[in-house]
Amino acid sequence: MDMQTSFLDRLFESGLLIDTGIDGLYGRSGQFEDVIAAFERLIDTFGGADGAEAMRFPPGMNRAFFEKSGYMKSFPQLAGTVHSFCGSELDHVSLLQCMEVGEDWTKGQEATDIVLTPAACYPLYPTVAKRGNLPNTGGLFDLQSYCFRHEPSKDPARQQLFRMREYVCMGTELHVTDFRQRWMDRGVEMMKAVGLDVTIDVANDPFFGRAGKMLANNQRDQNLKFELLIPITSAANPTACMSFNYHQDAFGTKWGLNLEDGSVAHTACVGFGLERIALALFHYHGLDVKQWPASVRKALWG
């Protein structure tokens, strides 16, 4: 925790991150954003020739799609919903009185049809399903979005609102597992180019409750999730900066994603935690980008 707080303090003092008074909710400086933009260009260099269809969704998604996704079964502790005032003038007066005396003014708020996006790929599946069958060659999609997860922390690498870049592949089992392996290899190569030491290890999602332990064990046993780990605030517990996920036919079945031959599509995705990668770069190479090794600057800025 001390290492986390000390790194966070240094990021605040340097102006790279801007304190908002809420743990895990930070502003970013122009320099911080420049590093993320440069790394995204590096992602494009590695993945651009694959011909993915780019889509950009806002950080909020259709609540009905969110409910159908099953996210609340697995991760209720991380979800964020959007509520708004929907009352009368009298209710408004009451709301203002609550605020004036420091009482909870939010209890009259009602849930809207928007939920905060938990992962960049969540709005994609219903969107592609609406189009009808995928070609037998499958589909490849390039996504980037702010995402929300409710886990306040002093660890600057565990933010509540953060950006995720993703490639999602849909097709046969062989097609999507080849895609995942290709990106595991690329991930190591990319991080080497920017001077970061990494390991890749089998992983699991933070499933909720007792039943969640069983889901996590199954996920590990079947090698469905791998993470690319970089020590940022702890050598003992390195931070997952990329993840490589094989969903089998779970999303294909849930959303009705089929190939032209009628078979259910399998899906896999690779995710980049953009803030985490930027933080790893600042941790390894220092807070002044001008002092970074020439090889790293060349990989990022040419």
Protein backbone atom coordinates (compact mmCIF):
# COMPACT_ATOMS: atom_id res chain seq x y z
CA MET A 1 0.00 0.00 0.00
CA ASP A 2 2.89 2.39 0.82
CA MET A 3 4.41 1.85 -2.64
CA GLN A 4 1.01 2.48 -4.22
CA THR A 5 0.42 5.70 -2.26
CA SER A 6 3.95 6.95 -2.85
CA PHE A 7 3.71 6.40 -6.63
CA LEU A 8 0.29 8.04 -6.67
CA ASP A 9 1.64 11.05 -4.75
CA ARG A 10 4.51 11.41 -7.22
CA LEU A 11 2.06 11.26 -10.13
CA PHE A 12 -0.03 14.02 -8.50
CA GLU A 13 3.04 16.15 -7.72
CA SER A 14 4.32 15.85 -11.30
CA GLY A 15 0.85 16.79 -12.63
CA LEU A 16 0.60 13.59 -14.72
CA LEU A 17 -2.53 12.63 -12.77
CA ILE A 18 -4.96 15.15 -11.30
CA ASP A 19 -6.56 14.49 -7.91
CA THR A 20 -10.37 14.75 -7.89
CA GLY A 21 -10.83 13.78 -4.23
CA ILE A 22 -12.15 10.32 -5.19
CA ASP A 23 -9.87 7.27 -5.14
CA GLY A 24 -9.55 5.83 -8.63
CA LEU A 25 -11.06 8.85 -10.40
CA TYR A 26 -8.32 11.03 -11.87
CA GLY A 27 -7.75 13.72 -14.43
CA ARG A 28 -4.84 13.21 -16.85
CA SER A 29 -2.32 15.72 -18.12
CA GLY A 30 -1.56 16.35 -21.79
CA GLN A 31 1.71 14.43 -21.36
CA PHE A 32 -0.11 11.40 -19.93
CA GLU A 33 -2.58 11.49 -22.83
CA ASP A 34 0.27 11.80 -25.32
CA VAL A 35 1.81 8.57 -24.01
CA ILE A 36 -1.53 6.75 -24.36
CA ALA A 37 -2.01 8.11 -27.90
CA ALA A 38 1.51 6.97 -28.82
CA PHE A 39 0.92 3.50 -27.42
CA GLU A 40 -2.37 3.24 -29.33
CA ARG A 41 -0.45 4.01 -32.53
CA LEU A 42 1.90 1.16 -31.62
CA ILE A 43 -1.13 -1.13 -31.23
CA ASP A 44 -2.24 -0.02 -34.71
CA THR A 45 1.22 -0.83 -36.08
CA PHE A 46 0.95 -4.40 -34.79
CA GLY A 47 -2.75 -4.98 -35.50
CA GLY A 48 -3.61 -2.60 -38.34
CA ALA A 49 -2.89 -5.03 -41.18
CA ASP A 50 -5.43 -7.51 -39.77
CA GLY A 51 -8.23 -5.36 -41.19
CA ALA A 52 -10.43 -5.10 -38.09
CA GLU A 53 -13.63 -3.05 -38.32
CA ALA A 54 -13.29 -0.11 -35.93
CA MET A 55 -16.22 0.86 -33.68
CA ARG A 56 -16.28 3.37 -30.83
CA PHE A 57 -19.07 3.21 -28.25
CA PRO A 58 -19.71 5.74 -25.46
CA PRO A 59 -18.94 4.77 -21.82
CA GLY A 60 -22.63 4.04 -21.23
CA MET A 61 -24.57 1.11 -22.70
CA ASN A 62 -28.17 -0.04 -23.15
CA ARG A 63 -29.39 -1.35 -19.78
CA ALA A 64 -31.41 -4.15 -21.43
CA PHE A 65 -28.25 -5.42 -23.18
CA PHE A 66 -26.34 -5.16 -19.89
CA GLU A 67 -29.01 -7.23 -18.10
CA LYS A 68 -28.98 -9.87 -20.84
CA SER A 69 -25.17 -10.09 -20.72
CA GLY A 70 -25.30 -11.75 -17.28
CA TYR A 71 -22.76 -9.31 -15.82
CA MET A 72 -24.77 -8.94 -12.60
CA LYS A 73 -24.62 -12.70 -12.00
CA SER A 74 -20.84 -12.64 -11.97
CA PHE A 75 -19.68 -9.13 -11.00
CA PRO A 76 -22.45 -7.24 -9.14
CA GLN A 77 -19.80 -5.56 -6.95
CA LEU A 78 -18.20 -3.83 -9.95
CA ALA A 79 -21.27 -2.55 -11.80
CA GLY A 80 -22.29 1.09 -12.09
CA THR A 81 -25.78 2.28 -13.05
CA VAL A 82 -26.93 5.74 -14.13
CA HIS A 83 -29.73 7.27 -12.04
CA SER A 84 -31.54 10.57 -12.61
CA PHE A 85 -34.13 12.82 -10.99
CA CYS A 86 -37.57 12.01 -12.43
CA GLY A 87 -39.81 13.69 -9.85
CA SER A 88 -42.28 16.59 -9.60
CA GLU A 89 -41.66 20.20 -8.53
CA LEU A 90 -42.56 19.18 -4.99
CA ASP A 91 -40.00 16.36 -5.13
CA HIS A 92 -37.45 18.91 -6.36
CA VAL A 93 -38.10 21.15 -3.35
CA SER A 94 -37.64 18.12 -1.07
CA LEU A 95 -34.39 17.20 -2.87
CA LEU A 96 -32.97 20.70 -2.38
CA GLN A 97 -33.93 20.65 1.31
CA CYS A 98 -32.08 17.33 1.74
CA MET A 99 -28.98 18.82 0.10
CA GLU A 100 -29.16 21.91 2.29
CA VAL A 101 -29.10 19.93 5.54
CA GLY A 102 -26.59 17.36 4.28
CA GLU A 103 -29.02 14.44 4.04
CA ASP A 104 -29.01 11.83 1.27
CA TRP A 105 -30.55 13.60 -1.74
CA THR A 106 -30.05 10.58 -4.04
CA LYS A 107 -32.73 8.29 -2.57
CA GLY A 108 -35.42 9.68 -4.89
CA GLN A 109 -33.33 9.07 -8.01
CA GLU A 110 -34.56 6.47 -10.50
CA ALA A 111 -32.55 4.12 -12.69
CA THR A 112 -32.30 5.25 -16.32
CA ASP A 113 -31.96 2.98 -19.37
CA ILE A 114 -28.18 3.56 -19.35
CA VAL A 115 -25.58 1.52 -17.45
CA LEU A 116 -21.88 2.38 -17.29
CA THR A 117 -19.93 0.18 -19.73
CA PRO A 118 -17.99 -2.48 -17.78
CA ALA A 119 -15.80 -3.63 -20.71
CA ALA A 120 -15.32 -2.16 -24.18
CA CYS A 121 -16.67 -5.27 -25.93
CA TYR A 122 -20.05 -5.47 -24.14
CA PRO A 123 -22.01 -3.27 -26.60
CA LEU A 124 -20.42 -5.08 -29.57
CA TYR A 125 -22.11 -8.48 -29.33
CA PRO A 126 -25.75 -7.30 -29.64
CA THR A 127 -24.66 -4.87 -32.38
CA VAL A 128 -23.10 -7.62 -34.51
CA ALA A 129 -25.96 -10.04 -33.75
CA LYS A 130 -28.47 -7.55 -35.24
CA ARG A 131 -26.65 -7.76 -38.58
CA GLY A 132 -27.45 -11.45 -39.05
CA ASN A 133 -25.05 -14.32 -39.68
CA LEU A 134 -21.32 -13.70 -39.79
CA PRO A 135 -19.42 -14.91 -42.86
CA ASN A 136 -17.71 -18.30 -42.39
CA THR A 137 -14.42 -16.36 -42.29
CA GLY A 138 -15.69 -14.75 -39.06
CA GLY A 139 -15.37 -11.13 -37.91
CA LEU A 140 -12.70 -8.93 -36.34
CA PHE A 141 -13.47 -5.71 -34.46
CA ASP A 142 -11.37 -2.89 -33.00
CA LEU A 143 -12.87 -1.13 -29.96
CA GLN A 144 -11.89 1.53 -27.43
CA SER A 145 -13.97 2.91 -24.60
CA TYR A 146 -13.87 4.33 -21.11
CA CYS A 147 -15.08 1.58 -18.75
CA PHE A 148 -16.31 1.69 -15.16
CA ARG A 149 -15.65 -0.72 -12.32
CA HIS A 150 -16.55 0.14 -8.75
CA GLU A 151 -13.34 -0.69 -6.88
CA PRO A 152 -11.99 2.47 -5.18
CA SER A 153 -8.28 2.09 -4.43
CA LYS A 154 -5.13 4.09 -3.65
CA ASP A 155 -3.39 1.98 -6.31
CA PRO A 156 -3.09 4.31 -9.34
CA ALA A 157 -3.20 1.21 -11.56
CA ARG A 158 -6.68 0.30 -10.24
CA GLN A 159 -8.91 3.10 -11.45
CA GLN A 160 -12.71 3.25 -11.44
CA LEU A 161 -12.97 4.95 -14.84
CA PHE A 162 -10.31 3.85 -17.30
CA ARG A 163 -9.83 3.15 -21.00
CA MET A 164 -9.75 -0.25 -22.57
CA ARG A 165 -8.63 -0.91 -26.15
CA GLU A 166 -9.80 -4.25 -27.49
CA TYR A 167 -9.70 -6.48 -30.50
CA VAL A 168 -12.56 -8.99 -30.61
CA CYS A 169 -12.50 -11.99 -32.94
CA MET A 170 -15.57 -14.07 -33.86
CA GLY A 171 -15.41 -17.32 -35.82
CA THR A 172 -14.59 -21.00 -35.35
CA GLU A 173 -12.79 -22.31 -32.27
CA LEU A 174 -9.53 -22.68 -34.22
CA HIS A 175 -9.87 -19.21 -35.77
CA VAL A 176 -10.36 -17.39 -32.46
CA THR A 177 -7.81 -19.39 -30.43
CA ASP A 178 -5.19 -18.73 -33.17
CA PHE A 179 -6.08 -15.02 -32.92
CA ARG A 180 -5.58 -15.10 -29.16
CA GLN A 181 -2.20 -16.85 -29.41
CA ARG A 182 -1.05 -14.39 -32.08
CA TRP A 183 -1.82 -11.46 -29.77
CA MET A 184 -0.11 -13.12 -26.79
CA ASP A 185 3.05 -13.26 -28.91
CA ARG A 186 2.55 -9.69 -30.14
CA GLY A 187 1.92 -8.44 -26.61
CA VAL A 188 5.32 -9.66 -25.42
CA GLU A 189 6.97 -8.18 -28.53
CA MET A 190 5.26 -4.79 -28.07
CA MET A 191 6.26 -4.50 -24.42
CA LYS A 192 9.83 -5.48 -25.26
CA ALA A 193 9.88 -2.64 -27.84
CA VAL A 194 8.98 -0.13 -25.10
CA GLY A 195 11.44 -1.55 -22.56
CA LEU A 196 9.00 -3.28 -20.21
CA ASP A 197 9.69 -6.65 -18.52
CA VAL A 198 6.58 -8.82 -18.60
CA THR A 199 5.31 -12.27 -17.75
CA ILE A 200 2.20 -14.00 -19.08
CA ASP A 201 0.24 -16.18 -16.70
CA VAL A 202 -3.10 -17.97 -16.53
CA ALA A 203 -5.71 -15.88 -14.70
CA ASN A 204 -9.35 -15.59 -13.69
CA ASP A 205 -11.93 -12.81 -13.51
CA PRO A 206 -13.00 -11.48 -10.05
CA PHE A 207 -16.24 -13.50 -9.87
CA PHE A 208 -18.47 -12.67 -6.90
CA GLY A 209 -19.32 -14.92 -3.96
CA ARG A 210 -18.95 -18.62 -3.26
CA ALA A 211 -20.25 -19.73 -6.66
CA GLY A 212 -17.72 -17.30 -8.15
CA LYS A 213 -14.84 -19.34 -6.71
CA MET A 214 -15.99 -22.33 -8.75
CA LEU A 215 -16.30 -20.21 -11.92
CA ALA A 216 -12.81 -18.81 -11.34
CA ASN A 217 -11.36 -22.32 -10.90
CA ASN A 218 -13.08 -23.53 -14.09
CA GLN A 219 -11.76 -20.52 -16.00
CA ARG A 220 -8.21 -21.31 -14.86
CA ASP A 221 -8.50 -25.07 -15.42
CA GLN A 222 -9.58 -24.51 -19.02
CA ASN A 223 -6.93 -21.80 -19.70
CA LEU A 224 -9.68 -19.42 -20.84
CA LYS A 225 -7.92 -16.28 -19.56
CA PHE A 226 -4.28 -15.22 -19.63
CA GLU A 227 -2.86 -11.91 -18.46
CA LEU A 228 0.29 -10.00 -19.37
CA LEU A 229 1.67 -8.85 -16.02
CA ILE A 230 3.98 -5.90 -15.28
CA PRO A 231 5.13 -4.88 -11.77
CA ILE A 232 3.96 -1.28 -11.26
CA THR A 233 3.32 -0.76 -7.55
CA SER A 234 4.29 -4.25 -6.34
CA ALA A 235 6.84 -6.82 -7.49
CA ALA A 236 4.97 -9.56 -5.60
CA ASN A 237 1.61 -8.69 -7.19
CA PRO A 238 2.28 -7.43 -10.71
CA THR A 239 -0.50 -5.58 -12.55
CA ALA A 240 -2.44 -7.09 -15.46
CA CYS A 241 -1.87 -4.67 -18.36
CA MET A 242 -3.24 -6.91 -21.13
CA SER A 243 -5.67 -9.82 -21.05
CA PHE A 244 -6.28 -12.58 -23.58
CA ASN A 245 -9.69 -14.21 -23.24
CA TYR A 246 -11.36 -17.15 -24.97
CA HIS A 247 -15.13 -17.18 -24.32
CA GLN A 248 -15.78 -20.48 -26.13
CA ASP A 249 -19.32 -20.22 -27.60
CA ALA A 250 -20.78 -18.49 -24.50
CA PHE A 251 -21.37 -15.08 -26.13
CA GLY A 252 -22.25 -16.70 -29.46
CA THR A 253 -25.02 -18.69 -27.78
CA LYS A 254 -26.23 -15.79 -25.58
CA TRP A 255 -26.46 -13.24 -28.41
CA GLY A 256 -27.32 -15.55 -31.32
CA LEU A 257 -24.03 -15.01 -33.14
CA ASN A 258 -23.88 -17.61 -35.91
CA LEU A 259 -21.67 -18.24 -38.90
CA GLU A 260 -23.13 -18.63 -42.41
CA ASP A 261 -23.12 -22.43 -42.06
CA GLY A 262 -25.43 -22.10 -39.03
CA SER A 263 -22.81 -23.02 -36.41
CA VAL A 264 -22.54 -20.91 -33.26
CA ALA A 265 -19.62 -18.47 -33.37
CA HIS A 266 -16.84 -18.74 -30.81
CA THR A 267 -15.33 -15.48 -29.59
CA ALA A 268 -12.03 -14.28 -28.13
CA CYS A 269 -10.68 -10.87 -27.23
CA VAL A 270 -7.45 -9.13 -26.36
CA GLY A 271 -7.71 -6.14 -24.04
CA PHE A 272 -5.17 -3.38 -23.36
CA GLY A 273 -5.47 -1.42 -20.10
CA LEU A 274 -4.29 1.91 -21.54
CA GLU A 275 -3.84 3.80 -18.25
CA ARG A 276 -2.04 0.81 -16.74
CA ILE A 277 0.38 0.59 -19.67
CA ALA A 278 1.08 4.34 -19.45
CA LEU A 279 1.67 3.98 -15.68
CA ALA A 280 4.05 1.05 -16.29
CA LEU A 281 6.02 3.23 -18.71
CA PHE A 282 6.22 6.10 -16.21
CA HIS A 283 7.17 3.70 -13.40
CA TYR A 284 9.97 2.04 -15.40
CA HIS A 285 11.36 4.97 -17.35
CA GLY A 286 10.66 7.92 -15.03
CA LEU A 287 8.10 10.73 -14.91
CA ASP A 288 9.91 12.91 -17.47
CA VAL A 289 9.27 11.51 -20.95
CA LYS A 290 12.20 13.51 -22.36
CA GLN A 291 14.54 11.38 -20.24
CA TRP A 292 13.18 8.03 -21.47
CA PRO A 293 15.61 5.74 -23.36
CA ALA A 294 15.97 6.64 -27.03
CA SER A 295 14.82 3.16 -28.11
CA VAL A 296 11.56 3.56 -26.17
CA ARG A 297 10.92 7.06 -27.52
CA LYS A 298 11.59 5.79 -31.05
CA ALA A 299 9.14 2.87 -30.62
CA LEU A 300 6.45 5.27 -29.43
CA TRP A 301 7.07 8.46 -31.40
CA GLY A 302 9.22 7.34 -34.33
